[in-house]
Amino acid sequence: MTAQDMLSLMNRTPFEPLEIHLNNGTTITVQQPYQIATTPKASACVVYGDDEVVMRIVPYRNIAEVITRASAA
């Protein structure tokens, strides 16, 4: 996973919710594209929780896979 890959997923129209699976077994659910912040050459993204209080910095090297509604079907 790279920043460019994440930007592509964030900018899909219509946006499809994401499940980000990390190497340590953690799953992060993203319901809206504004819950992720990144730049094209970043080594990590910031993922905000639904309540916008929780924030996680997620290095791309720690992402094992990303599942969208379309890829789960």
PDB file of N, CA and C in Angstrom:
ATOM      1  N   MET A   1       0.849  -1.176   0.000  1.00  0.00           N
ATOM      2  CA  MET A   1       0.000   0.000   0.000  1.00  0.00           C
ATOM      3  C   MET A   1       0.887   1.228   0.000  1.00  0.00           C
ATOM      4  N   THR A   2       0.539   2.178  -0.848  1.00  0.00           N
ATOM      5  CA  THR A   2       1.262   3.447  -0.912  1.00  0.00           C
ATOM      6  C   THR A   2       0.265   4.589  -0.707  1.00  0.00           C
ATOM      7  N   ALA A   3       0.790   5.778  -0.543  1.00  0.00           N
ATOM      8  CA  ALA A   3      -0.070   6.960  -0.415  1.00  0.00           C
ATOM      9  C   ALA A   3      -0.915   7.133  -1.678  1.00  0.00           C
ATOM     10  N   GLN A   4      -0.337   6.867  -2.836  1.00  0.00           N
ATOM     11  CA  GLN A   4      -1.091   6.990  -4.093  1.00  0.00           C
ATOM     12  C   GLN A   4      -2.252   6.001  -4.129  1.00  0.00           C
ATOM     13  N   ASP A   5      -2.024   4.774  -3.643  1.00  0.00           N
ATOM     14  CA  ASP A   5      -3.098   3.780  -3.568  1.00  0.00           C
ATOM     15  C   ASP A   5      -4.226   4.275  -2.668  1.00  0.00           C
ATOM     16  N   MET A   6      -3.864   4.828  -1.503  1.00  0.00           N
ATOM     17  CA  MET A   6      -4.870   5.319  -0.568  1.00  0.00           C
ATOM     18  C   MET A   6      -5.636   6.492  -1.159  1.00  0.00           C
ATOM     19  N   LEU A   7      -4.934   7.392  -1.820  1.00  0.00           N
ATOM     20  CA  LEU A   7      -5.613   8.530  -2.455  1.00  0.00           C
ATOM     21  C   LEU A   7      -6.611   8.054  -3.510  1.00  0.00           C
ATOM     22  N   SER A   8      -6.249   7.031  -4.252  1.00  0.00           N
ATOM     23  CA  SER A   8      -7.175   6.471  -5.246  1.00  0.00           C
ATOM     24  C   SER A   8      -8.433   5.920  -4.580  1.00  0.00           C
ATOM     25  N   LEU A   9      -8.256   5.207  -3.468  1.00  0.00           N
ATOM     26  CA  LEU A   9      -9.409   4.664  -2.746  1.00  0.00           C
ATOM     27  C   LEU A   9     -10.266   5.785  -2.149  1.00  0.00           C
ATOM     28  N   MET A  10      -9.616   6.822  -1.632  1.00  0.00           N
ATOM     29  CA  MET A  10     -10.348   7.945  -1.032  1.00  0.00           C
ATOM     30  C   MET A  10     -11.156   8.724  -2.060  1.00  0.00           C
ATOM     31  N   ASN A  11     -10.660   8.778  -3.276  1.00  0.00           N
ATOM     32  CA  ASN A  11     -11.285   9.614  -4.308  1.00  0.00           C
ATOM     33  C   ASN A  11     -12.242   8.863  -5.219  1.00  0.00           C
ATOM     34  N   ARG A  12     -12.547   7.609  -4.908  1.00  0.00           N
ATOM     35  CA  ARG A  12     -13.526   6.863  -5.716  1.00  0.00           C
ATOM     36  C   ARG A  12     -14.891   7.549  -5.639  1.00  0.00           C
ATOM     37  N   THR A  13     -15.578   7.540  -6.762  1.00  0.00           N
ATOM     38  CA  THR A  13     -16.921   8.103  -6.808  1.00  0.00           C
ATOM     39  C   THR A  13     -17.872   7.047  -7.308  1.00  0.00           C
ATOM     40  N   PRO A  14     -18.837   6.609  -6.518  1.00  0.00           N
ATOM     41  CA  PRO A  14     -19.044   7.028  -5.133  1.00  0.00           C
ATOM     42  C   PRO A  14     -18.023   6.363  -4.210  1.00  0.00           C
ATOM     43  N   PHE A  15     -17.775   7.006  -3.078  1.00  0.00           N
ATOM     44  CA  PHE A  15     -16.848   6.449  -2.093  1.00  0.00           C
ATOM     45  C   PHE A  15     -17.414   5.150  -1.540  1.00  0.00           C
ATOM     46  N   GLU A  16     -16.562   4.169  -1.378  1.00  0.00           N
ATOM     47  CA  GLU A  16     -16.946   2.891  -0.783  1.00  0.00           C
ATOM     48  C   GLU A  16     -16.231   2.754   0.549  1.00  0.00           C
ATOM     49  N   PRO A  17     -16.964   2.468   1.645  1.00  0.00           N
ATOM     50  CA  PRO A  17     -16.318   2.314   2.946  1.00  0.00           C
ATOM     51  C   PRO A  17     -15.156   1.319   2.874  1.00  0.00           C
ATOM     52  N   LEU A  18     -14.146   1.563   3.692  1.00  0.00           N
ATOM     53  CA  LEU A  18     -12.930   0.756   3.688  1.00  0.00           C
ATOM     54  C   LEU A  18     -12.751   0.018   5.004  1.00  0.00           C
ATOM     55  N   GLU A  19     -12.190  -1.157   4.925  1.00  0.00           N
ATOM     56  CA  GLU A  19     -11.669  -1.864   6.094  1.00  0.00           C
ATOM     57  C   GLU A  19     -10.171  -1.945   5.889  1.00  0.00           C
ATOM     58  N   ILE A  20      -9.420  -1.303   6.756  1.00  0.00           N
ATOM     59  CA  ILE A  20      -7.965  -1.323   6.679  1.00  0.00           C
ATOM     60  C   ILE A  20      -7.480  -2.370   7.675  1.00  0.00           C
ATOM     61  N   HIS A  21      -6.843  -3.417   7.167  1.00  0.00           N
ATOM     62  CA  HIS A  21      -6.328  -4.496   8.012  1.00  0.00           C
ATOM     63  C   HIS A  21      -4.828  -4.299   8.190  1.00  0.00           C
ATOM     64  N   LEU A  22      -4.407  -4.221   9.447  1.00  0.00           N
ATOM     65  CA  LEU A  22      -2.994  -4.010   9.752  1.00  0.00           C
ATOM     66  C   LEU A  22      -2.284  -5.334   9.998  1.00  0.00           C
ATOM     67  N   ASN A  23      -0.976  -5.301   9.907  1.00  0.00           N
ATOM     68  CA  ASN A  23      -0.154  -6.496  10.108  1.00  0.00           C
ATOM     69  C   ASN A  23      -0.342  -7.121  11.492  1.00  0.00           C
ATOM     70  N   ASN A  24      -0.722  -6.319  12.492  1.00  0.00           N
ATOM     71  CA  ASN A  24      -0.879  -6.836  13.856  1.00  0.00           C
ATOM     72  C   ASN A  24      -2.281  -7.399  14.119  1.00  0.00           C
ATOM     73  N   GLY A  25      -3.135  -7.451  13.085  1.00  0.00           N
ATOM     74  CA  GLY A  25      -4.477  -8.002  13.223  1.00  0.00           C
ATOM     75  C   GLY A  25      -5.563  -6.973  13.480  1.00  0.00           C
ATOM     76  N   THR A  26      -5.201  -5.728  13.704  1.00  0.00           N
ATOM     77  CA  THR A  26      -6.178  -4.665  13.929  1.00  0.00           C
ATOM     78  C   THR A  26      -6.907  -4.342  12.629  1.00  0.00           C
ATOM     79  N   THR A  27      -8.206  -4.079  12.737  1.00  0.00           N
ATOM     80  CA  THR A  27      -8.999  -3.628  11.594  1.00  0.00           C
ATOM     81  C   THR A  27      -9.538  -2.245  11.895  1.00  0.00           C
ATOM     82  N   ILE A  28      -9.353  -1.321  10.957  1.00  0.00           N
ATOM     83  CA  ILE A  28      -9.863   0.043  11.089  1.00  0.00           C
ATOM     84  C   ILE A  28     -10.916   0.237  10.008  1.00  0.00           C
ATOM     85  N   THR A  29     -12.113   0.635  10.415  1.00  0.00           N
ATOM     86  CA  THR A  29     -13.194   0.875   9.461  1.00  0.00           C
ATOM     87  C   THR A  29     -13.279   2.360   9.160  1.00  0.00           C
ATOM     88  N   VAL A  30     -13.372   2.695   7.875  1.00  0.00           N
ATOM     89  CA  VAL A  30     -13.477   4.080   7.426  1.00  0.00           C
ATOM     90  C   VAL A  30     -14.787   4.206   6.656  1.00  0.00           C
ATOM     91  N   GLN A  31     -15.716   5.001   7.192  1.00  0.00           N
ATOM     92  CA  GLN A  31     -17.031   5.164   6.572  1.00  0.00           C
ATOM     93  C   GLN A  31     -17.086   6.306   5.562  1.00  0.00           C
ATOM     94  N   GLN A  32     -16.232   7.326   5.745  1.00  0.00           N
ATOM     95  CA  GLN A  32     -16.255   8.515   4.884  1.00  0.00           C
ATOM     96  C   GLN A  32     -14.831   8.885   4.482  1.00  0.00           C
ATOM     97  N   PRO A  33     -14.645   9.419   3.276  1.00  0.00           N
ATOM     98  CA  PRO A  33     -13.280   9.741   2.833  1.00  0.00           C
ATOM     99  C   PRO A  33     -12.606  10.820   3.671  1.00  0.00           C
ATOM    100  N   TYR A  34     -13.382  11.703   4.288  1.00  0.00           N
ATOM    101  CA  TYR A  34     -12.771  12.761   5.094  1.00  0.00           C
ATOM    102  C   TYR A  34     -12.191  12.236   6.408  1.00  0.00           C
ATOM    103  N   GLN A  35     -12.362  10.951   6.683  1.00  0.00           N
ATOM    104  CA  GLN A  35     -11.778  10.359   7.879  1.00  0.00           C
ATOM    105  C   GLN A  35     -10.306   9.989   7.679  1.00  0.00           C
ATOM    106  N   ILE A  36      -9.783  10.158   6.453  1.00  0.00           N
ATOM    107  CA  ILE A  36      -8.385   9.835   6.149  1.00  0.00           C
ATOM    108  C   ILE A  36      -7.686  11.097   5.660  1.00  0.00           C
ATOM    109  N   ALA A  37      -6.481  11.311   6.145  1.00  0.00           N
ATOM    110  CA  ALA A  37      -5.658  12.423   5.667  1.00  0.00           C
ATOM    111  C   ALA A  37      -4.309  11.861   5.238  1.00  0.00           C
ATOM    112  N   THR A  38      -3.878  12.259   4.042  1.00  0.00           N
ATOM    113  CA  THR A  38      -2.573  11.840   3.539  1.00  0.00           C
ATOM    114  C   THR A  38      -2.143  12.790   2.435  1.00  0.00           C
ATOM    115  N   THR A  39      -0.910  12.656   2.004  1.00  0.00           N
ATOM    116  CA  THR A  39      -0.394  13.401   0.857  1.00  0.00           C
ATOM    117  C   THR A  39       0.239  12.393  -0.098  1.00  0.00           C
ATOM    118  N   PRO A  40       0.441  12.768  -1.361  1.00  0.00           N
ATOM    119  CA  PRO A  40       0.913  11.806  -2.366  1.00  0.00           C
ATOM    120  C   PRO A  40       2.212  11.072  -2.037  1.00  0.00           C
ATOM    121  N   LYS A  41       3.123  11.677  -1.298  1.00  0.00           N
ATOM    122  CA  LYS A  41       4.406  11.028  -1.017  1.00  0.00           C
ATOM    123  C   LYS A  41       4.577  10.646   0.452  1.00  0.00           C
ATOM    124  N   ALA A  42       3.480  10.632   1.205  1.00  0.00           N
ATOM    125  CA  ALA A  42       3.543  10.343   2.640  1.00  0.00           C
ATOM    126  C   ALA A  42       3.895   8.879   2.891  1.00  0.00           C
ATOM    127  N   SER A  43       4.513   8.619   4.022  1.00  0.00           N
ATOM    128  CA  SER A  43       4.812   7.242   4.420  1.00  0.00           C
ATOM    129  C   SER A  43       3.756   6.698   5.374  1.00  0.00           C
ATOM    130  N   ALA A  44       2.808   7.563   5.759  1.00  0.00           N
ATOM    131  CA  ALA A  44       1.734   7.165   6.665  1.00  0.00           C
ATOM    132  C   ALA A  44       0.496   8.006   6.365  1.00  0.00           C
ATOM    133  N   CYS A  45      -0.640   7.522   6.859  1.00  0.00           N
ATOM    134  CA  CYS A  45      -1.862   8.306   6.766  1.00  0.00           C
ATOM    135  C   CYS A  45      -2.397   8.503   8.176  1.00  0.00           C
ATOM    136  N   VAL A  46      -3.272   9.481   8.325  1.00  0.00           N
ATOM    137  CA  VAL A  46      -3.950   9.722   9.590  1.00  0.00           C
ATOM    138  C   VAL A  46      -5.393   9.287   9.389  1.00  0.00           C
ATOM    139  N   VAL A  47      -5.884   8.449  10.290  1.00  0.00           N
ATOM    140  CA  VAL A  47      -7.257   7.958  10.202  1.00  0.00           C
ATOM    141  C   VAL A  47      -7.991   8.424  11.452  1.00  0.00           C
ATOM    142  N   TYR A  48      -9.099   9.141  11.230  1.00  0.00           N
ATOM    143  CA  TYR A  48      -9.923   9.641  12.321  1.00  0.00           C
ATOM    144  C   TYR A  48     -11.083   8.694  12.558  1.00  0.00           C
ATOM    145  N   GLY A  49     -11.472   8.531  13.824  1.00  0.00           N
ATOM    146  CA  GLY A  49     -12.620   7.709  14.169  1.00  0.00           C
ATOM    147  C   GLY A  49     -13.916   8.408  13.819  1.00  0.00           C
ATOM    148  N   ASP A  50     -15.021   7.693  13.929  1.00  0.00           N
ATOM    149  CA  ASP A  50     -16.335   8.262  13.630  1.00  0.00           C
ATOM    150  C   ASP A  50     -16.635   9.492  14.469  1.00  0.00           C
ATOM    151  N   ASP A  51     -16.162   9.499  15.702  1.00  0.00           N
ATOM    152  CA  ASP A  51     -16.445  10.621  16.596  1.00  0.00           C
ATOM    153  C   ASP A  51     -15.434  11.766  16.439  1.00  0.00           C
ATOM    154  N   GLU A  52     -14.445  11.590  15.581  1.00  0.00           N
ATOM    155  CA  GLU A  52     -13.394  12.571  15.303  1.00  0.00           C
ATOM    156  C   GLU A  52     -12.559  12.910  16.532  1.00  0.00           C
ATOM    157  N   VAL A  53     -12.668  12.105  17.594  1.00  0.00           N
ATOM    158  CA  VAL A  53     -11.849  12.299  18.774  1.00  0.00           C
ATOM    159  C   VAL A  53     -10.621  11.397  18.694  1.00  0.00           C
ATOM    160  N   VAL A  54     -10.831  10.181  18.215  1.00  0.00           N
ATOM    161  CA  VAL A  54      -9.740   9.224  18.084  1.00  0.00           C
ATOM    162  C   VAL A  54      -9.022   9.456  16.763  1.00  0.00           C
ATOM    163  N   MET A  55      -7.703   9.494  16.812  1.00  0.00           N
ATOM    164  CA  MET A  55      -6.889   9.685  15.615  1.00  0.00           C
ATOM    165  C   MET A  55      -5.765   8.653  15.663  1.00  0.00           C
ATOM    166  N   ARG A  56      -5.554   7.961  14.537  1.00  0.00           N
ATOM    167  CA  ARG A  56      -4.462   6.988  14.450  1.00  0.00           C
ATOM    168  C   ARG A  56      -3.530   7.384  13.320  1.00  0.00           C
ATOM    169  N   ILE A  57      -2.245   7.293  13.575  1.00  0.00           N
ATOM    170  CA  ILE A  57      -1.257   7.465  12.516  1.00  0.00           C
ATOM    171  C   ILE A  57      -0.897   6.060  12.066  1.00  0.00           C
ATOM    172  N   VAL A  58      -1.153   5.768  10.793  1.00  0.00           N
ATOM    173  CA  VAL A  58      -0.977   4.417  10.265  1.00  0.00           C
ATOM    174  C   VAL A  58       0.097   4.422   9.172  1.00  0.00           C
ATOM    175  N   PRO A  59       1.272   3.878   9.452  1.00  0.00           N
ATOM    176  CA  PRO A  59       2.298   3.766   8.407  1.00  0.00           C
ATOM    177  C   PRO A  59       1.820   2.803   7.317  1.00  0.00           C
ATOM    178  N   TYR A  60       2.035   3.166   6.077  1.00  0.00           N
ATOM    179  CA  TYR A  60       1.606   2.304   4.966  1.00  0.00           C
ATOM    180  C   TYR A  60       2.264   0.933   5.023  1.00  0.00           C
ATOM    181  N   ARG A  61       3.480   0.849   5.539  1.00  0.00           N
ATOM    182  CA  ARG A  61       4.167  -0.445   5.622  1.00  0.00           C
ATOM    183  C   ARG A  61       3.465  -1.413   6.574  1.00  0.00           C
ATOM    184  N   ASN A  62       2.594  -0.885   7.464  1.00  0.00           N
ATOM    185  CA  ASN A  62       1.876  -1.727   8.419  1.00  0.00           C
ATOM    186  C   ASN A  62       0.509  -2.180   7.910  1.00  0.00           C
ATOM    187  N   ILE A  63       0.120  -1.759   6.706  1.00  0.00           N
ATOM    188  CA  ILE A  63      -1.176  -2.153   6.157  1.00  0.00           C
ATOM    189  C   ILE A  63      -1.005  -3.461   5.388  1.00  0.00           C
ATOM    190  N   ALA A  64      -1.711  -4.498   5.845  1.00  0.00           N
ATOM    191  CA  ALA A  64      -1.653  -5.807   5.191  1.00  0.00           C
ATOM    192  C   ALA A  64      -2.584  -5.841   3.988  1.00  0.00           C
ATOM    193  N   GLU A  65      -3.796  -5.284   4.140  1.00  0.00           N
ATOM    194  CA  GLU A  65      -4.746  -5.222   3.029  1.00  0.00           C
ATOM    195  C   GLU A  65      -5.818  -4.198   3.327  1.00  0.00           C
ATOM    196  N   VAL A  66      -6.474  -3.745   2.258  1.00  0.00           N
ATOM    197  CA  VAL A  66      -7.623  -2.853   2.371  1.00  0.00           C
ATOM    198  C   VAL A  66      -8.764  -3.504   1.610  1.00  0.00           C
ATOM    199  N   ILE A  67      -9.895  -3.632   2.283  1.00  0.00           N
ATOM    200  CA  ILE A  67     -11.066  -4.237   1.663  1.00  0.00           C
ATOM    201  C   ILE A  67     -12.138  -3.168   1.499  1.00  0.00           C
ATOM    202  N   THR A  68     -12.698  -3.082   0.302  1.00  0.00           N
ATOM    203  CA  THR A  68     -13.827  -2.182   0.048  1.00  0.00           C
ATOM    204  C   THR A  68     -15.072  -3.008  -0.120  1.00  0.00           C
ATOM    205  N   ARG A  69     -16.205  -2.351  -0.091  1.00  0.00           N
ATOM    206  CA  ARG A  69     -17.468  -3.053  -0.295  1.00  0.00           C
ATOM    207  C   ARG A  69     -17.458  -3.787  -1.636  1.00  0.00           C
ATOM    208  N   ALA A  70     -16.880  -3.163  -2.668  1.00  0.00           N
ATOM    209  CA  ALA A  70     -16.848  -3.779  -4.007  1.00  0.00           C
ATOM    210  C   ALA A  70     -15.951  -5.003  -4.018  1.00  0.00           C
ATOM    211  N   SER A  71     -14.795  -4.953  -3.339  1.00  0.00           N
ATOM    212  CA  SER A  71     -13.888  -6.105  -3.371  1.00  0.00           C
ATOM    213  C   SER A  71     -14.367  -7.230  -2.461  1.00  0.00           C
ATOM    214  N   ALA A  72     -15.241  -6.923  -1.503  1.00  0.00           N
ATOM    215  CA  ALA A  72     -15.778  -7.946  -0.610  1.00  0.00           C
ATOM    216  C   ALA A  72     -16.909  -8.733  -1.274  1.00  0.00           C
ATOM    217  N   ALA A  73     -17.516  -8.152  -2.306  1.00  0.00           N
ATOM    218  CA  ALA A  73     -18.655  -8.799  -2.964  1.00  0.00           C
ATOM    219  C   ALA A  73     -18.217  -9.948  -3.858  1.00  0.00           C
TER     220      ALA A  73
END
